[in-house]
C-alpha atoms as a PDB file:
ATOM      1  CA  UNK A   1       0.000   0.000   0.000  1.00  0.00           C
ATOM      2  CA  UNK A   2       1.381   3.409  -0.945  1.00  0.00           C
ATOM      3  CA  UNK A   3       1.987   5.997   1.762  1.00  0.00           C
ATOM      4  CA  UNK A   4      -0.736   8.183   0.208  1.00  0.00           C
ATOM      5  CA  UNK A   5      -3.319   5.364   0.324  1.00  0.00           C
ATOM      6  CA  UNK A   6      -2.292   4.426   3.868  1.00  0.00           C
ATOM      7  CA  UNK A   7      -2.663   8.061   4.968  1.00  0.00           C
ATOM      8  CA  UNK A   8      -6.116   8.419   3.397  1.00  0.00           C
ATOM      9  CA  UNK A   9      -7.287   5.153   4.965  1.00  0.00           C
ATOM     10  CA  UNK A  10      -5.936   6.210   8.367  1.00  0.00           C
ATOM     11  CA  UNK A  11      -7.681   9.599   8.134  1.00  0.00           C
ATOM     12  CA  UNK A  12     -10.996   7.917   7.332  1.00  0.00           C
ATOM     13  CA  UNK A  13     -10.625   5.363  10.114  1.00  0.00           C
ATOM     14  CA  UNK A  14      -9.678   8.004  12.691  1.00  0.00           C
ATOM     15  CA  UNK A  15     -12.508  10.364  11.781  1.00  0.00           C
ATOM     16  CA  UNK A  16     -15.651  10.510  13.895  1.00  0.00           C
ATOM     17  CA  UNK A  17     -17.718  11.522  10.875  1.00  0.00           C
ATOM     18  CA  UNK A  18     -18.062  10.846   7.175  1.00  0.00           C
ATOM     19  CA  UNK A  19     -15.524  12.894   5.222  1.00  0.00           C
ATOM     20  CA  UNK A  20     -15.753  14.170   1.655  1.00  0.00           C
ATOM     21  CA  UNK A  21     -12.860  13.857  -0.807  1.00  0.00           C
ATOM     22  CA  UNK A  22     -12.151  17.577  -0.444  1.00  0.00           C
ATOM     23  CA  UNK A  23     -12.036  17.323   3.345  1.00  0.00           C
ATOM     24  CA  UNK A  24      -9.690  14.341   3.080  1.00  0.00           C
ATOM     25  CA  UNK A  25      -7.517  16.269   0.649  1.00  0.00           C
ATOM     26  CA  UNK A  26      -7.202  19.190   3.082  1.00  0.00           C
ATOM     27  CA  UNK A  27      -6.301  16.841   5.949  1.00  0.00           C
ATOM     28  CA  UNK A  28      -3.846  14.834   3.828  1.00  0.00           C
ATOM     29  CA  UNK A  29      -2.085  18.016   2.651  1.00  0.00           C
ATOM     30  CA  UNK A  30      -1.159  18.763   6.248  1.00  0.00           C
ATOM     31  CA  UNK A  31       0.869  15.548   6.398  1.00  0.00           C
ATOM     32  CA  UNK A  32       1.872  15.222   2.737  1.00  0.00           C
ATOM     33  CA  UNK A  33       1.987  18.768   1.314  1.00  0.00           C
ATOM     34  CA  UNK A  34       2.702  17.510  -2.216  1.00  0.00           C
ATOM     35  CA  UNK A  35      -0.350  15.254  -2.459  1.00  0.00           C
ATOM     36  CA  UNK A  36      -2.673  16.046  -5.372  1.00  0.00           C
ATOM     37  CA  UNK A  37      -6.469  16.071  -5.265  1.00  0.00           C
ATOM     38  CA  UNK A  38      -6.490  13.522  -8.097  1.00  0.00           C
ATOM     39  CA  UNK A  39      -4.359  11.211  -5.945  1.00  0.00           C
ATOM     40  CA  UNK A  40      -6.930  11.437  -3.161  1.00  0.00           C
ATOM     41  CA  UNK A  41      -9.791  10.636  -5.556  1.00  0.00           C
ATOM     42  CA  UNK A  42      -7.900   7.758  -7.192  1.00  0.00           C
ATOM     43  CA  UNK A  43      -7.055   6.250  -3.830  1.00  0.00           C
ATOM     44  CA  UNK A  44     -10.623   6.616  -2.570  1.00  0.00           C
ATOM     45  CA  UNK A  45     -11.850   4.741  -5.636  1.00  0.00           C
ATOM     46  CA  UNK A  46      -9.300   1.986  -5.072  1.00  0.00           C
ATOM     47  CA  UNK A  47     -10.015   1.695  -1.336  1.00  0.00           C
ATOM     48  CA  UNK A  48     -13.753   1.401  -2.047  1.00  0.00           C
ATOM     49  CA  UNK A  49     -13.140  -1.218  -4.768  1.00  0.00           C
ATOM     50  CA  UNK A  50     -10.984  -3.213  -2.344  1.00  0.00           C
ATOM     51  CA  UNK A  51     -13.733  -3.102   0.298  1.00  0.00           C
ATOM     52  CA  UNK A  52     -11.667  -1.097   2.800  1.00  0.00           C
ATOM     53  CA  UNK A  53     -14.177   1.793   2.877  1.00  0.00           C
ATOM     54  CA  UNK A  54     -17.637   2.547   1.499  1.00  0.00           C
ATOM     55  CA  UNK A  55     -18.521   5.446  -0.747  1.00  0.00           C
ATOM     56  CA  UNK A  56     -21.795   7.041   0.310  1.00  0.00           C
ATOM     57  CA  UNK A  57     -23.920   8.895  -2.202  1.00  0.00           C
ATOM     58  CA  UNK A  58     -27.017  10.741  -1.012  1.00  0.00           C
ATOM     59  CA  UNK A  59     -29.215  12.843  -3.237  1.00  0.00           C
ATOM     60  CA  UNK A  60     -28.476  16.506  -2.619  1.00  0.00           C
ATOM     61  CA  UNK A  61     -25.291  15.827  -0.647  1.00  0.00           C
ATOM     62  CA  UNK A  62     -21.629  15.617  -1.594  1.00  0.00           C
ATOM     63  CA  UNK A  63     -20.305  12.055  -1.723  1.00  0.00           C
ATOM     64  CA  UNK A  64     -18.549  11.032   1.457  1.00  0.00           C
ATOM     65  CA  UNK A  65     -16.669   8.013   2.710  1.00  0.00           C
ATOM     66  CA  UNK A  66     -17.510   5.624   5.519  1.00  0.00           C
ATOM     67  CA  UNK A  67     -15.033   3.515   7.462  1.00  0.00           C
ATOM     68  CA  UNK A  68     -17.745   0.965   8.251  1.00  0.00           C
ATOM     69  CA  UNK A  69     -18.413  -1.521   5.468  1.00  0.00           C
ATOM     70  CA  UNK A  70     -20.924  -3.439   7.614  1.00  0.00           C
ATOM     71  CA  UNK A  71     -24.506  -2.663   6.485  1.00  0.00           C
ATOM     72  CA  UNK A  72     -26.081   0.004   8.676  1.00  0.00           C
ATOM     73  CA  UNK A  73     -28.530   2.903   8.572  1.00  0.00           C
ATOM     74  CA  UNK A  74     -27.452   6.472   7.860  1.00  0.00           C
ATOM     75  CA  UNK A  75     -29.405   9.226   9.585  1.00  0.00           C
ATOM     76  CA  UNK A  76     -29.201  12.491   7.656  1.00  0.00           C
ATOM     77  CA  UNK A  77     -30.272  15.782   9.175  1.00  0.00           C
ATOM     78  CA  UNK A  78     -32.105  17.841   6.574  1.00  0.00           C
ATOM     79  CA  UNK A  79     -31.176  20.982   8.515  1.00  0.00           C
ATOM     80  CA  UNK A  80     -27.398  20.817   8.922  1.00  0.00           C
ATOM     81  CA  UNK A  81     -26.563  17.826   6.714  1.00  0.00           C
ATOM     82  CA  UNK A  82     -24.945  15.812   9.513  1.00  0.00           C
ATOM     83  CA  UNK A  83     -24.707  12.097   8.756  1.00  0.00           C
ATOM     84  CA  UNK A  84     -24.560   9.520  11.534  1.00  0.00           C
ATOM     85  CA  UNK A  85     -24.440   5.728  11.602  1.00  0.00           C
ATOM     86  CA  UNK A  86     -26.958   3.514  13.354  1.00  0.00           C
ATOM     87  CA  UNK A  87     -26.961  -0.280  13.584  1.00  0.00           C
ATOM     88  CA  UNK A  88     -29.484  -2.326  11.651  1.00  0.00           C
ATOM     89  CA  UNK A  89     -29.054  -5.867  12.944  1.00  0.00           C
ATOM     90  CA  UNK A  90     -31.576  -8.257  11.472  1.00  0.00           C
ATOM     91  CA  UNK A  91     -32.822  -5.879   8.776  1.00  0.00           C
ATOM     92  CA  UNK A  92     -31.264  -7.788   5.866  1.00  0.00           C
ATOM     93  CA  UNK A  93     -32.609 -11.111   7.127  1.00  0.00           C
ATOM     94  CA  UNK A  94     -36.084  -9.647   7.630  1.00  0.00           C
ATOM     95  CA  UNK A  95     -36.130  -8.143   4.119  1.00  0.00           C
ATOM     96  CA  UNK A  96     -34.911 -11.406   2.569  1.00  0.00           C
ATOM     97  CA  UNK A  97     -37.674 -13.277   4.368  1.00  0.00           C
ATOM     98  CA  UNK A  98     -40.323 -10.770   3.237  1.00  0.00           C
ATOM     99  CA  UNK A  99     -39.087 -10.681  -0.365  1.00  0.00           C
ATOM    100  CA  UNK A 100     -38.347 -14.364  -0.689  1.00  0.00           C
ATOM    101  CA  UNK A 101     -34.937 -13.948  -2.312  1.00  0.00           C
ATOM    102  CA  UNK A 102     -31.401 -13.114  -1.174  1.00  0.00           C
ATOM    103  CA  UNK A 103     -30.192  -9.540  -0.836  1.00  0.00           C
ATOM    104  CA  UNK A 104     -26.559  -8.785  -1.657  1.00  0.00           C
ATOM    105  CA  UNK A 105     -26.374  -5.493   0.201  1.00  0.00           C
ATOM    106  CA  UNK A 106     -28.467  -2.441   0.976  1.00  0.00           C
ATOM    107  CA  UNK A 107     -28.154   1.271   1.601  1.00  0.00           C
ATOM    108  CA  UNK A 108     -30.692   2.914   3.861  1.00  0.00           C
ATOM    109  CA  UNK A 109     -30.794   6.643   4.492  1.00  0.00           C
ATOM    110  CA  UNK A 110     -33.313   8.092   6.928  1.00  0.00           C
ATOM    111  CA  UNK A 111     -33.894  11.842   6.737  1.00  0.00           C
ATOM    112  CA  UNK A 112     -34.847  13.730   9.879  1.00  0.00           C
ATOM    113  CA  UNK A 113     -34.221  16.983  11.741  1.00  0.00           C
ATOM    114  CA  UNK A 114     -31.619  16.618  14.478  1.00  0.00           C
ATOM    115  CA  UNK A 115     -32.177  18.095  17.956  1.00  0.00           C
ATOM    116  CA  UNK A 116     -29.759  20.987  17.248  1.00  0.00           C
ATOM    117  CA  UNK A 117     -31.778  22.029  14.176  1.00  0.00           C
ATOM    118  CA  UNK A 118     -35.239  21.629  15.714  1.00  0.00           C
END
């Protein structure tokens, strides 16, 4: 693994929130001033392809990256845009039982207004 890819993966894993490519670029530049934005994007693509991280795409929001590749629910505040993870144990099994066929994976985003924005 290149030092750039290792840095990007470490930044994602250490973050307490979902970071965008631009945010990762700004953080990476502090440690590797010569890193290019294209390098960040290319490494994010590769890390997602390798199953190390998950790219999250929500309508109306900038793509961000999640350190958790285990299926879970994303809560999205429609006020401030904050994204948080919540467990979803048993959801896949329940859906498979209801549908009658296997599910490979799922993405579930629940929109709400967080307490700070209410």
